Amino acid sequence: MKKEEQKQKSSKKKLWLIGLGILFLGNIAFNLFNQTEGSNKYGKEGFVARLTCGMNGKHLNIMPCLHNTMIEVRTNGKYFTLNSVEANQSSFSNSFGVDIPLTEHFAIQAQNGDNTFLLTLTVFDKATKDIVYQKSVPQYGVVSAWNK
């Protein structure tokens, strides 16, 4: 019985370490657009964060990817969350995904809860429409970006 308990503890520890590794790797690139040459031209008028859920580069519906998870947003000195239903029914939702307007200084994060579709976060500069950050993740992956 002790060997079985040790195996379970070992498995839980491995899962925790894998989860921690995914979270760490998911956040490595979070602020790359602020470290690139000429990046100070971005964000003067704010950004738009677009979250999509689908496959083959096509957005289908945000709800599967936010199953049992949520979007966390901090912008304009305010913090709010959106679950799958709220995101899908909000004024942010459109045929391209969920577009959330952001100020120059922001933080956004979401985790993919679906085992089939990719969750993608794309951050656009509002003025130039340039993509300043983009990342896609499979199930349990985290996408996040911030500009402080």
N, C-alpha and C. Protein backbone atom coordinates (compact mmCIF):
# COMPACT_ATOMS: atom_id res chain seq x y z
N MET A 1 0.82 -1.19 0.00
CA MET A 1 0.00 0.00 0.00
C MET A 1 0.87 1.26 0.00
N LYS A 2 2.01 1.23 0.71
CA LYS A 2 2.87 2.40 0.77
C LYS A 2 3.46 2.72 -0.59
N LYS A 3 3.81 1.69 -1.37
CA LYS A 3 4.37 1.93 -2.70
C LYS A 3 3.35 2.63 -3.58
N GLU A 4 2.07 2.23 -3.47
CA GLU A 4 1.01 2.86 -4.27
C GLU A 4 0.84 4.33 -3.87
N GLU A 5 0.89 4.62 -2.57
CA GLU A 5 0.79 6.00 -2.09
C GLU A 5 1.98 6.82 -2.58
N GLN A 6 3.17 6.24 -2.56
CA GLN A 6 4.36 6.94 -3.03
C GLN A 6 4.24 7.24 -4.53
N LYS A 7 3.71 6.28 -5.29
CA LYS A 7 3.52 6.50 -6.72
C LYS A 7 2.55 7.66 -6.96
N GLN A 8 1.44 7.69 -6.20
CA GLN A 8 0.46 8.75 -6.35
C GLN A 8 1.07 10.11 -6.02
N LYS A 9 1.83 10.17 -4.92
CA LYS A 9 2.48 11.42 -4.54
C LYS A 9 3.47 11.85 -5.61
N SER A 10 4.22 10.89 -6.13
CA SER A 10 5.20 11.19 -7.17
C SER A 10 4.50 11.70 -8.43
N SER A 11 3.38 11.08 -8.80
CA SER A 11 2.62 11.50 -9.98
C SER A 11 2.07 12.89 -9.79
N LYS A 12 1.52 13.18 -8.59
CA LYS A 12 0.99 14.51 -8.32
C LYS A 12 2.08 15.56 -8.38
N LYS A 13 3.27 15.23 -7.84
CA LYS A 13 4.40 16.16 -7.87
C LYS A 13 4.83 16.43 -9.31
N LYS A 14 4.88 15.38 -10.14
CA LYS A 14 5.25 15.53 -11.54
C LYS A 14 4.24 16.41 -12.27
N LEU A 15 2.93 16.17 -12.03
CA LEU A 15 1.91 16.98 -12.68
C LEU A 15 2.03 18.44 -12.26
N TRP A 16 2.29 18.66 -10.97
CA TRP A 16 2.44 20.03 -10.47
C TRP A 16 3.63 20.70 -11.15
N LEU A 17 4.75 19.98 -11.27
CA LEU A 17 5.94 20.54 -11.91
C LEU A 17 5.70 20.79 -13.39
N ILE A 18 4.98 19.88 -14.06
CA ILE A 18 4.65 20.10 -15.47
C ILE A 18 3.78 21.33 -15.61
N GLY A 19 2.77 21.46 -14.74
CA GLY A 19 1.89 22.63 -14.77
C GLY A 19 2.66 23.91 -14.54
N LEU A 20 3.58 23.89 -13.61
CA LEU A 20 4.41 25.05 -13.32
C LEU A 20 5.28 25.38 -14.54
N GLY A 21 5.83 24.35 -15.18
CA GLY A 21 6.64 24.56 -16.37
C GLY A 21 5.84 25.15 -17.51
N ILE A 22 4.60 24.67 -17.70
CA ILE A 22 3.74 25.21 -18.75
C ILE A 22 3.44 26.67 -18.47
N LEU A 23 3.12 26.98 -17.21
CA LEU A 23 2.83 28.37 -16.86
C LEU A 23 4.06 29.25 -17.09
N PHE A 24 5.24 28.77 -16.70
CA PHE A 24 6.47 29.53 -16.90
C PHE A 24 6.74 29.75 -18.39
N LEU A 25 6.68 28.68 -19.17
CA LEU A 25 6.94 28.81 -20.60
C LEU A 25 5.89 29.66 -21.28
N GLY A 26 4.66 29.57 -20.79
CA GLY A 26 3.58 30.37 -21.36
C GLY A 26 3.79 31.85 -21.15
N ASN A 27 4.58 32.22 -20.14
CA ASN A 27 4.77 33.62 -19.83
C ASN A 27 6.13 34.17 -20.26
N ILE A 28 6.99 33.33 -20.82
CA ILE A 28 8.31 33.80 -21.23
C ILE A 28 8.19 34.92 -22.27
N ALA A 29 7.32 34.73 -23.24
CA ALA A 29 7.23 35.68 -24.35
C ALA A 29 6.24 36.80 -24.09
N PHE A 30 5.70 36.88 -22.90
CA PHE A 30 4.60 37.80 -22.60
C PHE A 30 4.89 39.24 -22.97
N ASN A 31 6.10 39.68 -22.86
CA ASN A 31 6.39 41.10 -23.03
C ASN A 31 7.45 41.33 -24.09
N LEU A 32 7.56 40.43 -25.04
CA LEU A 32 8.60 40.56 -26.06
C LEU A 32 8.42 41.80 -26.91
N PHE A 33 7.17 42.19 -27.16
CA PHE A 33 6.97 43.34 -28.04
C PHE A 33 7.47 44.63 -27.41
N ASN A 34 7.69 44.67 -26.12
CA ASN A 34 8.27 45.85 -25.48
C ASN A 34 9.79 45.83 -25.53
N GLN A 35 10.37 44.71 -25.92
CA GLN A 35 11.83 44.61 -25.92
C GLN A 35 12.39 44.63 -27.33
N THR A 36 11.53 44.80 -28.32
CA THR A 36 12.02 44.81 -29.69
C THR A 36 12.40 46.22 -30.11
N GLU A 37 13.26 46.30 -31.10
CA GLU A 37 13.73 47.59 -31.58
C GLU A 37 12.57 48.41 -32.12
N GLY A 38 12.48 49.66 -31.71
CA GLY A 38 11.43 50.54 -32.19
C GLY A 38 10.08 50.30 -31.56
N SER A 39 10.02 49.50 -30.50
CA SER A 39 8.73 49.15 -29.91
C SER A 39 8.05 50.34 -29.25
N ASN A 40 8.79 51.40 -28.96
CA ASN A 40 8.17 52.54 -28.30
C ASN A 40 7.14 53.23 -29.19
N LYS A 41 7.06 52.87 -30.46
CA LYS A 41 6.05 53.45 -31.33
C LYS A 41 4.67 52.82 -31.10
N TYR A 42 4.62 51.73 -30.36
CA TYR A 42 3.37 51.02 -30.13
C TYR A 42 2.68 51.45 -28.84
N GLY A 43 1.37 51.41 -28.88
CA GLY A 43 0.58 51.58 -27.67
C GLY A 43 0.18 52.98 -27.30
N LYS A 44 0.58 53.95 -28.06
CA LYS A 44 0.24 55.34 -27.70
C LYS A 44 -1.28 55.53 -27.64
N GLU A 45 -2.01 54.83 -28.51
CA GLU A 45 -3.47 54.91 -28.51
C GLU A 45 -4.10 53.65 -27.94
N GLY A 46 -3.29 52.79 -27.37
CA GLY A 46 -3.79 51.56 -26.78
C GLY A 46 -3.63 50.37 -27.71
N PHE A 47 -4.19 49.26 -27.29
CA PHE A 47 -4.08 48.00 -28.00
C PHE A 47 -5.46 47.34 -28.08
N VAL A 48 -5.55 46.31 -28.88
CA VAL A 48 -6.72 45.43 -28.91
C VAL A 48 -6.20 44.02 -28.75
N ALA A 49 -6.77 43.29 -27.79
CA ALA A 49 -6.43 41.88 -27.60
C ALA A 49 -7.53 41.06 -28.25
N ARG A 50 -7.14 40.17 -29.16
CA ARG A 50 -8.12 39.29 -29.80
C ARG A 50 -7.85 37.86 -29.35
N LEU A 51 -8.87 37.23 -28.76
CA LEU A 51 -8.79 35.83 -28.38
C LEU A 51 -9.65 35.03 -29.35
N THR A 52 -9.06 33.98 -29.90
CA THR A 52 -9.80 33.11 -30.80
C THR A 52 -9.68 31.67 -30.34
N CYS A 53 -10.65 30.86 -30.75
CA CYS A 53 -10.66 29.44 -30.40
C CYS A 53 -11.07 28.69 -31.66
N GLY A 54 -10.20 27.84 -32.15
CA GLY A 54 -10.54 27.11 -33.37
C GLY A 54 -9.41 26.25 -33.82
N MET A 55 -9.43 25.98 -35.13
CA MET A 55 -8.37 25.16 -35.71
C MET A 55 -8.09 25.64 -37.12
N ASN A 56 -6.92 25.32 -37.60
CA ASN A 56 -6.48 25.72 -38.95
C ASN A 56 -6.58 27.23 -39.15
N GLY A 57 -6.32 27.99 -38.12
CA GLY A 57 -6.32 29.44 -38.22
C GLY A 57 -7.70 30.07 -38.28
N LYS A 58 -8.76 29.30 -38.10
CA LYS A 58 -10.13 29.81 -38.17
C LYS A 58 -10.75 29.84 -36.79
N HIS A 59 -11.36 30.97 -36.45
CA HIS A 59 -12.10 31.08 -35.18
C HIS A 59 -13.46 30.43 -35.35
N LEU A 60 -13.83 29.57 -34.41
CA LEU A 60 -15.13 28.92 -34.46
C LEU A 60 -16.06 29.48 -33.40
N ASN A 61 -15.65 29.39 -32.15
CA ASN A 61 -16.44 29.89 -31.03
C ASN A 61 -15.53 29.90 -29.81
N ILE A 62 -15.59 30.95 -29.01
CA ILE A 62 -14.70 31.08 -27.86
C ILE A 62 -15.08 30.13 -26.71
N MET A 63 -16.33 29.68 -26.68
CA MET A 63 -16.81 28.92 -25.53
C MET A 63 -16.04 27.63 -25.22
N PRO A 64 -15.70 26.80 -26.20
CA PRO A 64 -14.96 25.57 -25.85
C PRO A 64 -13.62 25.85 -25.17
N CYS A 65 -12.89 26.83 -25.67
CA CYS A 65 -11.56 27.12 -25.11
C CYS A 65 -11.62 27.69 -23.70
N LEU A 66 -12.74 28.32 -23.35
CA LEU A 66 -12.87 28.89 -22.00
C LEU A 66 -13.66 27.99 -21.07
N HIS A 67 -13.86 26.73 -21.46
CA HIS A 67 -14.58 25.78 -20.61
C HIS A 67 -13.83 25.63 -19.29
N ASN A 68 -14.50 25.95 -18.20
CA ASN A 68 -13.94 25.88 -16.84
C ASN A 68 -12.74 26.80 -16.64
N THR A 69 -12.57 27.79 -17.49
CA THR A 69 -11.50 28.78 -17.32
C THR A 69 -12.11 30.16 -17.58
N MET A 70 -11.28 31.19 -17.61
CA MET A 70 -11.78 32.53 -17.88
C MET A 70 -10.68 33.41 -18.43
N ILE A 71 -11.09 34.57 -18.94
CA ILE A 71 -10.15 35.60 -19.38
C ILE A 71 -10.00 36.57 -18.21
N GLU A 72 -8.77 36.91 -17.87
CA GLU A 72 -8.51 37.93 -16.85
C GLU A 72 -7.90 39.14 -17.53
N VAL A 73 -8.46 40.32 -17.24
CA VAL A 73 -8.00 41.54 -17.89
C VAL A 73 -7.79 42.64 -16.85
N ARG A 74 -6.68 43.34 -16.98
CA ARG A 74 -6.43 44.55 -16.20
C ARG A 74 -6.07 45.65 -17.20
N THR A 75 -6.91 46.69 -17.24
CA THR A 75 -6.68 47.80 -18.16
C THR A 75 -7.36 49.04 -17.61
N ASN A 76 -6.79 50.18 -17.88
CA ASN A 76 -7.36 51.44 -17.43
C ASN A 76 -7.59 51.45 -15.91
N GLY A 77 -6.69 50.79 -15.18
CA GLY A 77 -6.80 50.75 -13.73
C GLY A 77 -7.92 49.86 -13.20
N LYS A 78 -8.55 49.09 -14.07
CA LYS A 78 -9.65 48.21 -13.66
C LYS A 78 -9.29 46.76 -13.95
N TYR A 79 -9.86 45.86 -13.15
CA TYR A 79 -9.67 44.42 -13.32
C TYR A 79 -11.04 43.79 -13.56
N PHE A 80 -11.12 42.90 -14.55
CA PHE A 80 -12.36 42.15 -14.75
C PHE A 80 -12.05 40.79 -15.35
N THR A 81 -13.01 39.89 -15.21
CA THR A 81 -12.89 38.55 -15.77
C THR A 81 -14.10 38.29 -16.67
N LEU A 82 -13.91 37.40 -17.63
CA LEU A 82 -14.99 36.96 -18.50
C LEU A 82 -14.93 35.44 -18.59
N ASN A 83 -16.04 34.77 -18.25
CA ASN A 83 -16.08 33.32 -18.46
C ASN A 83 -16.54 33.06 -19.89
N SER A 84 -16.74 31.82 -20.27
CA SER A 84 -17.05 31.49 -21.66
C SER A 84 -18.36 32.13 -22.13
N VAL A 85 -19.39 32.06 -21.31
CA VAL A 85 -20.70 32.62 -21.70
C VAL A 85 -20.62 34.14 -21.79
N GLU A 86 -20.00 34.77 -20.79
CA GLU A 86 -19.87 36.24 -20.80
C GLU A 86 -19.07 36.71 -22.01
N ALA A 87 -17.98 36.02 -22.31
CA ALA A 87 -17.15 36.42 -23.45
C ALA A 87 -17.92 36.25 -24.76
N ASN A 88 -18.65 35.15 -24.88
CA ASN A 88 -19.38 34.87 -26.11
C ASN A 88 -20.55 35.83 -26.33
N GLN A 89 -21.17 36.29 -25.25
CA GLN A 89 -22.34 37.15 -25.36
C GLN A 89 -22.02 38.63 -25.17
N SER A 90 -20.78 38.95 -24.93
CA SER A 90 -20.41 40.34 -24.65
C SER A 90 -20.32 41.15 -25.94
N SER A 91 -20.24 42.44 -25.77
CA SER A 91 -20.07 43.33 -26.92
C SER A 91 -18.69 43.16 -27.54
N PHE A 92 -17.78 42.47 -26.84
CA PHE A 92 -16.44 42.21 -27.36
C PHE A 92 -16.43 41.12 -28.44
N SER A 93 -17.46 40.26 -28.43
CA SER A 93 -17.50 39.10 -29.32
C SER A 93 -17.93 39.49 -30.73
N ASN A 94 -17.22 38.94 -31.72
CA ASN A 94 -17.57 39.16 -33.13
C ASN A 94 -17.15 37.93 -33.93
N SER A 95 -17.30 37.97 -35.23
CA SER A 95 -16.99 36.81 -36.06
C SER A 95 -15.49 36.50 -36.11
N PHE A 96 -14.65 37.45 -35.70
CA PHE A 96 -13.20 37.24 -35.71
C PHE A 96 -12.69 36.66 -34.39
N GLY A 97 -13.48 36.75 -33.33
CA GLY A 97 -13.08 36.29 -32.01
C GLY A 97 -13.65 37.20 -30.95
N VAL A 98 -12.93 37.35 -29.87
CA VAL A 98 -13.31 38.26 -28.79
C VAL A 98 -12.26 39.37 -28.78
N ASP A 99 -12.68 40.57 -29.14
CA ASP A 99 -11.77 41.73 -29.22
C ASP A 99 -11.96 42.61 -27.99
N ILE A 100 -10.92 42.70 -27.18
CA ILE A 100 -10.98 43.47 -25.95
C ILE A 100 -10.09 44.70 -26.09
N PRO A 101 -10.68 45.90 -26.02
CA PRO A 101 -9.86 47.11 -26.10
C PRO A 101 -9.01 47.26 -24.84
N LEU A 102 -7.75 47.65 -25.03
CA LEU A 102 -6.82 47.80 -23.92
C LEU A 102 -6.16 49.18 -23.98
N THR A 103 -5.84 49.69 -22.82
CA THR A 103 -5.09 50.95 -22.76
C THR A 103 -3.62 50.66 -23.00
N GLU A 104 -2.79 51.69 -22.96
CA GLU A 104 -1.36 51.50 -23.18
C GLU A 104 -0.76 50.54 -22.16
N HIS A 105 -1.23 50.60 -20.93
CA HIS A 105 -0.73 49.73 -19.86
C HIS A 105 -1.83 48.73 -19.52
N PHE A 106 -1.52 47.44 -19.67
CA PHE A 106 -2.54 46.41 -19.52
C PHE A 106 -1.91 45.08 -19.12
N ALA A 107 -2.76 44.14 -18.74
CA ALA A 107 -2.38 42.74 -18.55
C ALA A 107 -3.58 41.90 -18.94
N ILE A 108 -3.34 40.81 -19.65
CA ILE A 108 -4.41 39.91 -20.06
C ILE A 108 -3.89 38.48 -20.00
N GLN A 109 -4.76 37.57 -19.59
CA GLN A 109 -4.35 36.17 -19.47
C GLN A 109 -5.57 35.27 -19.65
N ALA A 110 -5.37 34.13 -20.29
CA ALA A 110 -6.43 33.13 -20.44
C ALA A 110 -5.80 31.75 -20.55
N GLN A 111 -6.55 30.74 -20.13
CA GLN A 111 -6.07 29.36 -20.22
C GLN A 111 -7.03 28.56 -21.09
N ASN A 112 -6.49 27.70 -21.94
CA ASN A 112 -7.30 26.88 -22.83
C ASN A 112 -7.85 25.67 -22.08
N GLY A 113 -9.15 25.52 -22.08
CA GLY A 113 -9.79 24.39 -21.41
C GLY A 113 -10.27 23.32 -22.37
N ASP A 114 -9.95 23.42 -23.65
CA ASP A 114 -10.45 22.47 -24.63
C ASP A 114 -9.34 21.56 -25.15
N ASN A 115 -9.68 20.29 -25.36
CA ASN A 115 -8.66 19.33 -25.80
C ASN A 115 -8.56 19.21 -27.33
N THR A 116 -9.38 19.96 -28.06
CA THR A 116 -9.37 19.89 -29.52
C THR A 116 -8.86 21.17 -30.16
N PHE A 117 -9.37 22.30 -29.69
CA PHE A 117 -9.08 23.59 -30.34
C PHE A 117 -7.89 24.30 -29.72
N LEU A 118 -7.29 25.18 -30.52
CA LEU A 118 -6.22 26.05 -30.04
C LEU A 118 -6.81 27.37 -29.58
N LEU A 119 -6.32 27.87 -28.46
CA LEU A 119 -6.66 29.21 -27.99
C LEU A 119 -5.52 30.12 -28.43
N THR A 120 -5.88 31.21 -29.11
CA THR A 120 -4.87 32.14 -29.61
C THR A 120 -5.12 33.53 -29.07
N LEU A 121 -4.06 34.15 -28.59
CA LEU A 121 -4.11 35.55 -28.17
C LEU A 121 -3.27 36.35 -29.16
N THR A 122 -3.89 37.36 -29.76
CA THR A 122 -3.19 38.26 -30.66
C THR A 122 -3.40 39.67 -30.14
N VAL A 123 -2.32 40.42 -29.95
CA VAL A 123 -2.41 41.81 -29.50
C VAL A 123 -2.01 42.70 -30.66
N PHE A 124 -2.93 43.63 -31.01
CA PHE A 124 -2.72 44.59 -32.09
C PHE A 124 -2.51 45.97 -31.51
N ASP A 125 -1.66 46.75 -32.14
CA ASP A 125 -1.59 48.17 -31.83
C ASP A 125 -2.83 48.82 -32.42
N LYS A 126 -3.56 49.59 -31.62
CA LYS A 126 -4.82 50.18 -32.07
C LYS A 126 -4.62 51.16 -33.23
N ALA A 127 -3.55 51.93 -33.20
CA ALA A 127 -3.32 52.95 -34.22
C ALA A 127 -2.79 52.36 -35.52
N THR A 128 -1.78 51.50 -35.44
CA THR A 128 -1.12 51.00 -36.65
C THR A 128 -1.72 49.69 -37.16
N LYS A 129 -2.48 49.00 -36.30
CA LYS A 129 -3.04 47.67 -36.62
C LYS A 129 -1.96 46.60 -36.72
N ASP A 130 -0.73 46.93 -36.35
CA ASP A 130 0.36 45.95 -36.37
C ASP A 130 0.14 44.91 -35.27
N ILE A 131 0.47 43.67 -35.56
CA ILE A 131 0.46 42.63 -34.54
C ILE A 131 1.73 42.77 -33.73
N VAL A 132 1.59 42.98 -32.42
CA VAL A 132 2.77 43.14 -31.58
C VAL A 132 3.02 41.90 -30.73
N TYR A 133 2.04 40.99 -30.68
CA TYR A 133 2.23 39.74 -29.93
C TYR A 133 1.20 38.74 -30.41
N GLN A 134 1.62 37.47 -30.53
CA GLN A 134 0.68 36.41 -30.89
C GLN A 134 1.19 35.09 -30.36
N LYS A 135 0.27 34.32 -29.76
CA LYS A 135 0.64 33.01 -29.25
C LYS A 135 -0.60 32.12 -29.25
N SER A 136 -0.41 30.85 -29.63
CA SER A 136 -1.47 29.84 -29.60
C SER A 136 -1.06 28.72 -28.65
N VAL A 137 -2.05 28.17 -27.93
CA VAL A 137 -1.75 27.09 -26.99
C VAL A 137 -2.83 26.01 -27.07
N PRO A 138 -2.43 24.75 -26.84
CA PRO A 138 -3.40 23.66 -26.76
C PRO A 138 -4.00 23.61 -25.36
N GLN A 139 -4.72 22.53 -25.07
CA GLN A 139 -5.39 22.39 -23.78
C GLN A 139 -4.41 22.59 -22.62
N TYR A 140 -4.88 23.31 -21.61
CA TYR A 140 -4.16 23.68 -20.38
C TYR A 140 -3.08 24.72 -20.58
N GLY A 141 -2.80 25.09 -21.81
CA GLY A 141 -1.81 26.12 -22.07
C GLY A 141 -2.35 27.49 -21.67
N VAL A 142 -1.45 28.39 -21.33
CA VAL A 142 -1.82 29.74 -20.91
C VAL A 142 -1.25 30.75 -21.90
N VAL A 143 -2.10 31.70 -22.30
CA VAL A 143 -1.64 32.82 -23.10
C VAL A 143 -1.75 34.06 -22.22
N SER A 144 -0.72 34.88 -22.24
CA SER A 144 -0.77 36.11 -21.45
C SER A 144 0.16 37.13 -22.06
N ALA A 145 -0.20 38.38 -21.85
CA ALA A 145 0.64 39.49 -22.31
C ALA A 145 0.38 40.68 -21.40
N TRP A 146 1.40 41.50 -21.27
CA TRP A 146 1.19 42.76 -20.56
C TRP A 146 2.17 43.80 -21.03
N ASN A 147 1.81 45.04 -20.77
CA ASN A 147 2.63 46.18 -21.13
C ASN A 147 2.52 47.15 -19.97
N LYS A 148 3.62 47.32 -19.22
CA LYS A 148 3.55 48.16 -18.02
C LYS A 148 4.45 49.35 -18.14
